Amino acid sequence: MNTVRSSQGSRRLRGQALRVAFSLPLLLNPFCSQAQPIACGQTITNTLTSAGQTVTYTFEANAGETLDILALGQGVNVAADVFAPTESQIASCTNNFTGPLTAAIAGNYSIRVHAADSVSTGAYGISLLFLTGRCGRPLIWGRPATNTLSALAEVDPYTFWGNAGETVVLTTSGSNLVAAAFLSGPDGIISDNWVNGVTAFTLTNTGTYTVGVYSFYLGGTGTYSLSLSLARLVPASYRLAIGRTNGAVSLTIWGQVGRPTTLRYVTQLPANDWLVLTNFSLPWSPYQFVDWASANAPRRFYRTVQ
């Protein structure tokens, strides 16, 4: 094989390589500019403006995490195809939830949104929700959460810690809105669904639970309320944790809401006589109490009685 090359031939090859290099950004930039990140718990609204258009969203997932995606169109049937980091398609939905998906490997996943018929145009919304407790507002027993669904395909996530054996009661109601909700456990499995009302569920695992609230009717908006209570407690339901706030002891108390509670302390152990710090009815659970007098004390030990 003859490997001799003239200098003139080399210049021609370099010129071709430069032309290819300069042309690549022109080919890639329009494609890359369509990809945008979507975060856990985020809802994004957008518009398909031309036939055949596909908009790509990306997110990071850890191996073993479970997620769900909702895509809805307004005047157009919108499809969302989900791809793993390996570029293999793992799910798809049209004007609906994908249903729980478990990330087999860690990496960058993508959602490609397009008209189901590849022709129609119109507005759409897309939401990403992790079912294994990654994000969400804290849902506290005794403190109803009130919020507004204002965007197409919006799903609002909430999380709470539950102990195996507890029976939780979840209540949703809407104003100009039929509020639907689902409950998923620490394993990411959806265990209950309900619409504008009350559901009771006995927890089988200890860990972080996720509640997702959305409109039962496609595109519905309005204000809703979500509340949590416990109909059955277990010994693990009563807990006391200690932290710090501006140099003082901050106590977090879990227990039965509305029940008389006594918070006691001593400065050394063992001790027979515990001093009463305060008496109150537990307003919600968990509840935080700051012992400001502890800022000048070398040490204090606490216990709570309900």
Protein backbone atom coordinates (compact mmCIF):
# COMPACT_ATOMS: atom_id res chain seq x y z
CA MET A 1 0.00 0.00 0.00
CA ASN A 2 1.33 3.42 -0.98
CA THR A 3 1.30 5.78 2.07
CA VAL A 4 3.11 8.72 0.49
CA ARG A 5 1.03 11.94 0.53
CA SER A 6 1.86 15.26 -1.03
CA SER A 7 1.77 18.48 0.95
CA GLN A 8 -0.88 19.78 -1.42
CA GLY A 9 -3.10 16.76 -0.63
CA SER A 10 -2.64 17.35 3.10
CA ARG A 11 -3.73 20.95 2.76
CA ARG A 12 -6.83 19.84 0.90
CA LEU A 13 -7.66 17.33 3.67
CA ARG A 14 -7.14 19.96 6.40
CA GLY A 15 -9.40 22.34 4.49
CA GLN A 16 -12.12 19.69 4.32
CA ALA A 17 -11.73 18.97 8.04
CA LEU A 18 -12.11 22.67 8.86
CA ARG A 19 -15.20 22.94 6.74
CA VAL A 20 -16.71 19.95 8.58
CA ALA A 21 -15.72 21.38 11.97
CA PHE A 22 -17.29 24.76 11.21
CA SER A 23 -20.47 23.16 9.89
CA LEU A 24 -21.07 20.95 12.97
CA PRO A 25 -22.29 23.76 15.26
CA LEU A 26 -24.79 24.78 12.61
CA LEU A 27 -26.20 21.25 12.63
CA LEU A 28 -26.08 20.60 16.39
CA ASN A 29 -27.07 23.90 17.98
CA PRO A 30 -30.74 23.91 16.95
CA PHE A 31 -31.14 20.36 18.31
CA CYS A 32 -29.32 21.03 21.61
CA SER A 33 -31.14 24.30 22.21
CA GLN A 34 -34.44 22.38 22.54
CA ALA A 35 -33.21 20.36 25.54
CA GLN A 36 -33.88 21.94 28.91
CA PRO A 37 -33.70 20.60 32.47
CA ILE A 38 -36.79 19.68 34.47
CA ALA A 39 -36.51 19.26 38.24
CA CYS A 40 -38.27 16.97 40.69
CA GLY A 41 -41.68 18.45 41.48
CA GLN A 42 -41.52 20.95 38.62
CA THR A 43 -44.27 21.67 36.10
CA ILE A 44 -43.33 23.23 32.76
CA THR A 45 -45.79 24.63 30.22
CA ASN A 46 -44.91 25.26 26.60
CA THR A 47 -46.37 25.24 23.09
CA LEU A 48 -45.82 23.02 20.07
CA THR A 49 -45.79 25.57 17.27
CA SER A 50 -44.98 23.49 14.18
CA ALA A 51 -45.86 20.08 12.77
CA GLY A 52 -43.42 17.34 13.76
CA GLN A 53 -41.85 19.42 16.55
CA THR A 54 -40.26 17.57 19.49
CA VAL A 55 -39.18 19.30 22.70
CA THR A 56 -36.69 17.50 24.94
CA TYR A 57 -36.37 17.76 28.74
CA THR A 58 -33.62 16.16 30.80
CA PHE A 59 -33.26 15.15 34.45
CA GLU A 60 -30.88 13.19 36.66
CA ALA A 61 -32.02 10.04 38.47
CA ASN A 62 -30.26 7.66 40.82
CA ALA A 63 -30.40 3.90 40.39
CA GLY A 64 -33.45 2.50 42.15
CA GLU A 65 -35.43 5.76 42.30
CA THR A 66 -39.04 5.63 41.16
CA LEU A 67 -40.65 8.49 39.24
CA ASP A 68 -43.83 9.40 37.42
CA ILE A 69 -44.46 11.88 34.59
CA LEU A 70 -47.70 13.60 33.56
CA ALA A 71 -48.10 15.14 30.11
CA LEU A 72 -51.26 16.96 29.01
CA GLY A 73 -52.13 18.89 25.87
CA GLN A 74 -54.67 21.65 25.36
CA GLY A 75 -56.43 21.13 22.04
CA VAL A 76 -53.78 18.56 21.10
CA ASN A 77 -53.03 15.01 22.19
CA VAL A 78 -49.52 15.29 23.60
CA ALA A 79 -47.21 12.29 23.88
CA ALA A 80 -44.17 12.05 26.15
CA ASP A 81 -41.52 9.39 25.49
CA VAL A 82 -39.02 8.64 28.26
CA PHE A 83 -35.49 7.52 27.46
CA ALA A 84 -32.80 6.06 29.71
CA PRO A 85 -29.16 7.24 29.64
CA THR A 86 -28.53 4.34 27.23
CA GLU A 87 -31.00 5.97 24.77
CA SER A 88 -33.42 3.04 25.15
CA GLN A 89 -37.08 4.04 25.47
CA ILE A 90 -38.50 2.94 28.83
CA ALA A 91 -41.99 4.49 28.84
CA SER A 92 -44.50 6.58 26.94
CA CYS A 93 -47.82 8.28 27.67
CA THR A 94 -50.39 10.38 25.83
CA ASN A 95 -52.41 12.95 27.81
CA ASN A 96 -51.84 10.89 30.94
CA PHE A 97 -49.36 9.66 33.53
CA THR A 98 -46.63 7.30 32.47
CA GLY A 99 -47.17 5.35 35.68
CA PRO A 100 -44.36 4.53 38.14
CA LEU A 101 -40.96 4.05 36.46
CA THR A 102 -37.90 2.70 38.26
CA ALA A 103 -34.53 4.07 37.15
CA ALA A 104 -32.41 0.99 36.46
CA ILE A 105 -29.16 2.96 36.33
CA ALA A 106 -27.96 6.37 37.47
CA GLY A 107 -27.56 9.05 34.86
CA ASN A 108 -29.23 11.60 32.61
CA TYR A 109 -32.73 10.69 31.47
CA SER A 110 -34.74 12.51 28.80
CA ILE A 111 -38.41 13.20 28.07
CA ARG A 112 -39.31 13.93 24.45
CA VAL A 113 -42.64 15.71 24.04
CA HIS A 114 -44.48 15.81 20.70
CA ALA A 115 -47.96 15.68 19.21
CA ALA A 116 -49.27 12.12 19.20
CA ASP A 117 -50.16 12.44 15.51
CA SER A 118 -46.87 14.25 14.73
CA VAL A 119 -48.86 17.01 13.02
CA SER A 120 -51.02 18.95 15.49
CA THR A 121 -49.88 22.00 17.43
CA GLY A 122 -50.97 23.59 20.70
CA ALA A 123 -50.17 24.22 24.35
CA TYR A 124 -49.06 21.47 26.72
CA GLY A 125 -47.83 20.92 30.25
CA ILE A 126 -45.46 18.35 31.75
CA SER A 127 -44.68 17.45 35.36
CA LEU A 128 -41.93 15.30 36.87
CA LEU A 129 -42.49 13.68 40.25
CA PHE A 130 -40.24 11.31 42.17
CA LEU A 131 -42.24 8.79 44.22
CA THR A 132 -39.45 7.83 46.61
CA GLY A 133 -39.39 11.01 48.69
CA ARG A 134 -36.81 13.11 46.88
CA CYS A 135 -38.80 16.35 46.90
CA GLY A 136 -42.04 17.77 48.18
CA ARG A 137 -43.39 20.13 50.79
CA PRO A 138 -43.59 18.64 54.29
CA LEU A 139 -47.08 17.47 55.20
CA ILE A 140 -47.56 17.86 58.96
CA TRP A 141 -50.30 16.32 61.09
CA GLY A 142 -52.60 19.09 62.29
CA ARG A 143 -51.50 21.73 59.75
CA PRO A 144 -53.56 21.53 56.53
CA ALA A 145 -51.71 22.50 53.36
CA THR A 146 -53.57 24.91 51.09
CA ASN A 147 -52.32 25.65 47.60
CA THR A 148 -53.44 26.37 44.04
CA LEU A 149 -53.13 24.29 40.90
CA SER A 150 -52.62 26.96 38.27
CA ALA A 151 -50.75 25.27 35.41
CA LEU A 152 -51.68 22.62 32.87
CA ALA A 153 -50.54 19.16 34.09
CA GLU A 154 -49.46 20.51 37.49
CA VAL A 155 -48.85 17.90 40.20
CA ASP A 156 -47.97 19.19 43.69
CA PRO A 157 -45.85 16.78 45.76
CA TYR A 158 -45.93 16.49 49.57
CA THR A 159 -43.96 14.17 51.85
CA PHE A 160 -44.32 12.86 55.39
CA TRP A 161 -42.54 10.31 57.57
CA GLY A 162 -44.61 7.28 58.50
CA ASN A 163 -44.06 4.27 60.75
CA ALA A 164 -45.13 0.74 59.91
CA GLY A 165 -48.46 -0.03 61.58
CA GLU A 166 -49.74 3.55 61.69
CA THR A 167 -53.07 4.29 60.01
CA VAL A 168 -53.00 7.64 58.22
CA VAL A 169 -56.07 9.59 57.16
CA LEU A 170 -55.62 11.91 54.17
CA THR A 171 -58.27 14.43 53.16
CA THR A 172 -58.45 16.53 49.99
CA SER A 173 -60.98 19.16 49.00
CA GLY A 174 -61.06 21.70 46.18
CA SER A 175 -62.50 25.13 45.48
CA ASN A 176 -63.64 25.27 41.83
CA LEU A 177 -61.50 22.18 41.46
CA VAL A 178 -61.99 18.43 41.73
CA ALA A 179 -58.75 17.54 43.47
CA ALA A 180 -57.36 14.06 42.94
CA ALA A 181 -54.43 12.57 44.85
CA PHE A 182 -52.30 9.47 45.19
CA LEU A 183 -50.10 8.02 47.93
CA SER A 184 -46.80 6.24 47.29
CA GLY A 185 -44.65 4.48 49.86
CA PRO A 186 -40.89 4.52 50.49
CA ASP A 187 -40.57 1.81 47.82
CA GLY A 188 -42.17 4.06 45.18
CA ILE A 189 -45.27 1.89 44.81
CA ILE A 190 -48.56 3.80 44.52
CA SER A 191 -50.75 2.29 47.21
CA ASP A 192 -53.86 4.48 47.13
CA ASN A 193 -55.79 6.93 44.90
CA TRP A 194 -58.77 9.09 45.80
CA VAL A 195 -60.79 12.11 44.59
CA ASN A 196 -62.08 15.06 46.68
CA GLY A 197 -62.58 13.18 49.91
CA VAL A 198 -61.04 11.03 52.60
CA THR A 199 -58.89 7.92 52.46
CA ALA A 200 -57.45 5.84 55.29
CA PHE A 201 -54.44 3.62 54.78
CA THR A 202 -52.40 1.45 57.15
CA LEU A 203 -48.69 1.87 56.48
CA THR A 204 -46.72 -1.30 55.85
CA ASN A 205 -43.23 0.25 55.77
CA THR A 206 -41.35 2.85 57.78
CA GLY A 207 -39.96 5.74 55.76
CA THR A 208 -40.85 8.74 53.63
CA TYR A 209 -44.23 8.71 51.91
CA THR A 210 -45.21 10.94 48.97
CA VAL A 211 -48.61 12.44 48.20
CA GLY A 212 -49.26 13.94 44.76
CA VAL A 213 -52.21 16.32 44.23
CA TYR A 214 -53.53 17.13 40.75
CA SER A 215 -56.74 18.04 38.92
CA PHE A 216 -59.11 15.13 38.26
CA TYR A 217 -60.31 16.84 35.08
CA LEU A 218 -57.74 17.59 32.39
CA GLY A 219 -56.59 21.19 32.57
CA GLY A 220 -58.57 22.00 35.72
CA THR A 221 -57.24 24.74 38.00
CA GLY A 222 -58.21 26.05 41.42
CA THR A 223 -57.42 26.05 45.13
CA TYR A 224 -57.27 22.87 47.20
CA SER A 225 -56.60 21.75 50.75
CA LEU A 226 -54.74 18.62 51.86
CA SER A 227 -54.57 17.39 55.44
CA LEU A 228 -52.98 14.48 57.31
CA SER A 229 -54.06 12.84 60.56
CA LEU A 230 -53.40 9.50 62.22
CA ALA A 231 -56.19 7.17 63.29
CA ARG A 232 -53.82 4.59 64.76
CA LEU A 233 -50.49 5.20 66.47
CA VAL A 234 -47.62 2.89 67.36
CA PRO A 235 -44.84 3.39 69.95
CA ALA A 236 -42.59 4.85 67.24
CA SER A 237 -45.20 7.58 66.68
CA TYR A 238 -44.00 9.30 69.86
CA ARG A 239 -40.54 10.79 69.42
CA LEU A 240 -38.36 13.63 70.70
CA ALA A 241 -35.39 15.04 68.76
CA ILE A 242 -32.91 17.72 69.83
CA GLY A 243 -31.30 20.37 67.63
CA ARG A 244 -29.99 23.94 67.95
CA THR A 245 -31.51 27.31 67.04
CA ASN A 246 -29.44 30.47 67.57
CA GLY A 247 -27.51 28.87 70.43
CA ALA A 248 -30.58 27.45 72.19
CA VAL A 249 -31.97 23.91 72.28
CA SER A 250 -34.66 23.24 69.67
CA LEU A 251 -36.91 20.29 70.48
CA THR A 252 -38.99 18.50 67.84
CA ILE A 253 -41.91 16.54 69.29
CA TRP A 254 -43.98 13.84 67.58
CA GLY A 255 -47.18 12.64 69.24
CA GLN A 256 -50.95 12.76 69.29
CA VAL A 257 -52.28 16.11 68.10
CA GLY A 258 -54.55 17.84 70.63
CA ARG A 259 -53.40 15.73 73.56
CA PRO A 260 -52.06 17.44 76.76
CA THR A 261 -48.27 17.30 76.71
CA THR A 262 -45.71 18.00 79.41
CA LEU A 263 -42.11 18.83 78.55
CA ARG A 264 -39.64 18.23 81.40
CA TYR A 265 -35.89 18.68 81.91
CA VAL A 266 -33.00 18.11 84.32
CA THR A 267 -29.41 19.33 84.30
CA GLN A 268 -27.81 15.99 85.18
CA LEU A 269 -28.50 12.26 85.14
CA PRO A 270 -29.50 10.12 86.93
CA ALA A 271 -32.35 12.23 88.30
CA ASN A 272 -35.49 11.53 90.30
CA ASP A 273 -37.14 14.93 90.06
CA TRP A 274 -37.69 16.22 86.55
CA LEU A 275 -38.57 19.90 86.35
CA VAL A 276 -41.56 20.98 84.29
CA LEU A 277 -40.48 23.22 81.43
CA THR A 278 -43.93 23.74 79.89
CA ASN A 279 -47.41 22.26 79.52
CA PHE A 280 -49.44 22.54 76.34
CA SER A 281 -51.76 20.66 74.00
CA LEU A 282 -49.76 19.44 71.02
CA PRO A 283 -50.99 21.70 68.17
CA TRP A 284 -49.51 19.61 65.35
CA SER A 285 -47.01 16.83 64.83
CA PRO A 286 -44.12 17.20 64.49
CA TYR A 287 -44.03 20.35 66.62
CA GLN A 288 -40.95 22.48 67.36
CA PHE A 289 -40.33 24.11 70.74
CA VAL A 290 -37.28 26.28 71.50
CA ASP A 291 -35.97 26.32 75.09
CA TRP A 292 -34.42 29.79 75.06
CA ALA A 293 -33.29 29.43 78.70
CA SER A 294 -30.95 26.63 77.63
CA ALA A 295 -28.63 29.12 75.87
CA ASN A 296 -26.97 29.93 79.24
CA ALA A 297 -27.06 26.37 80.62
CA PRO A 298 -24.05 24.04 80.32
CA ARG A 299 -26.27 20.99 79.73
CA ARG A 300 -29.89 19.89 79.86
CA PHE A 301 -31.70 16.56 79.42
CA TYR A 302 -35.32 16.42 78.21
CA ARG A 303 -38.28 14.10 78.13
CA THR A 304 -41.90 14.49 77.10
CA VAL A 305 -45.04 12.93 78.55
CA GLN A 306 -48.39 12.69 76.77
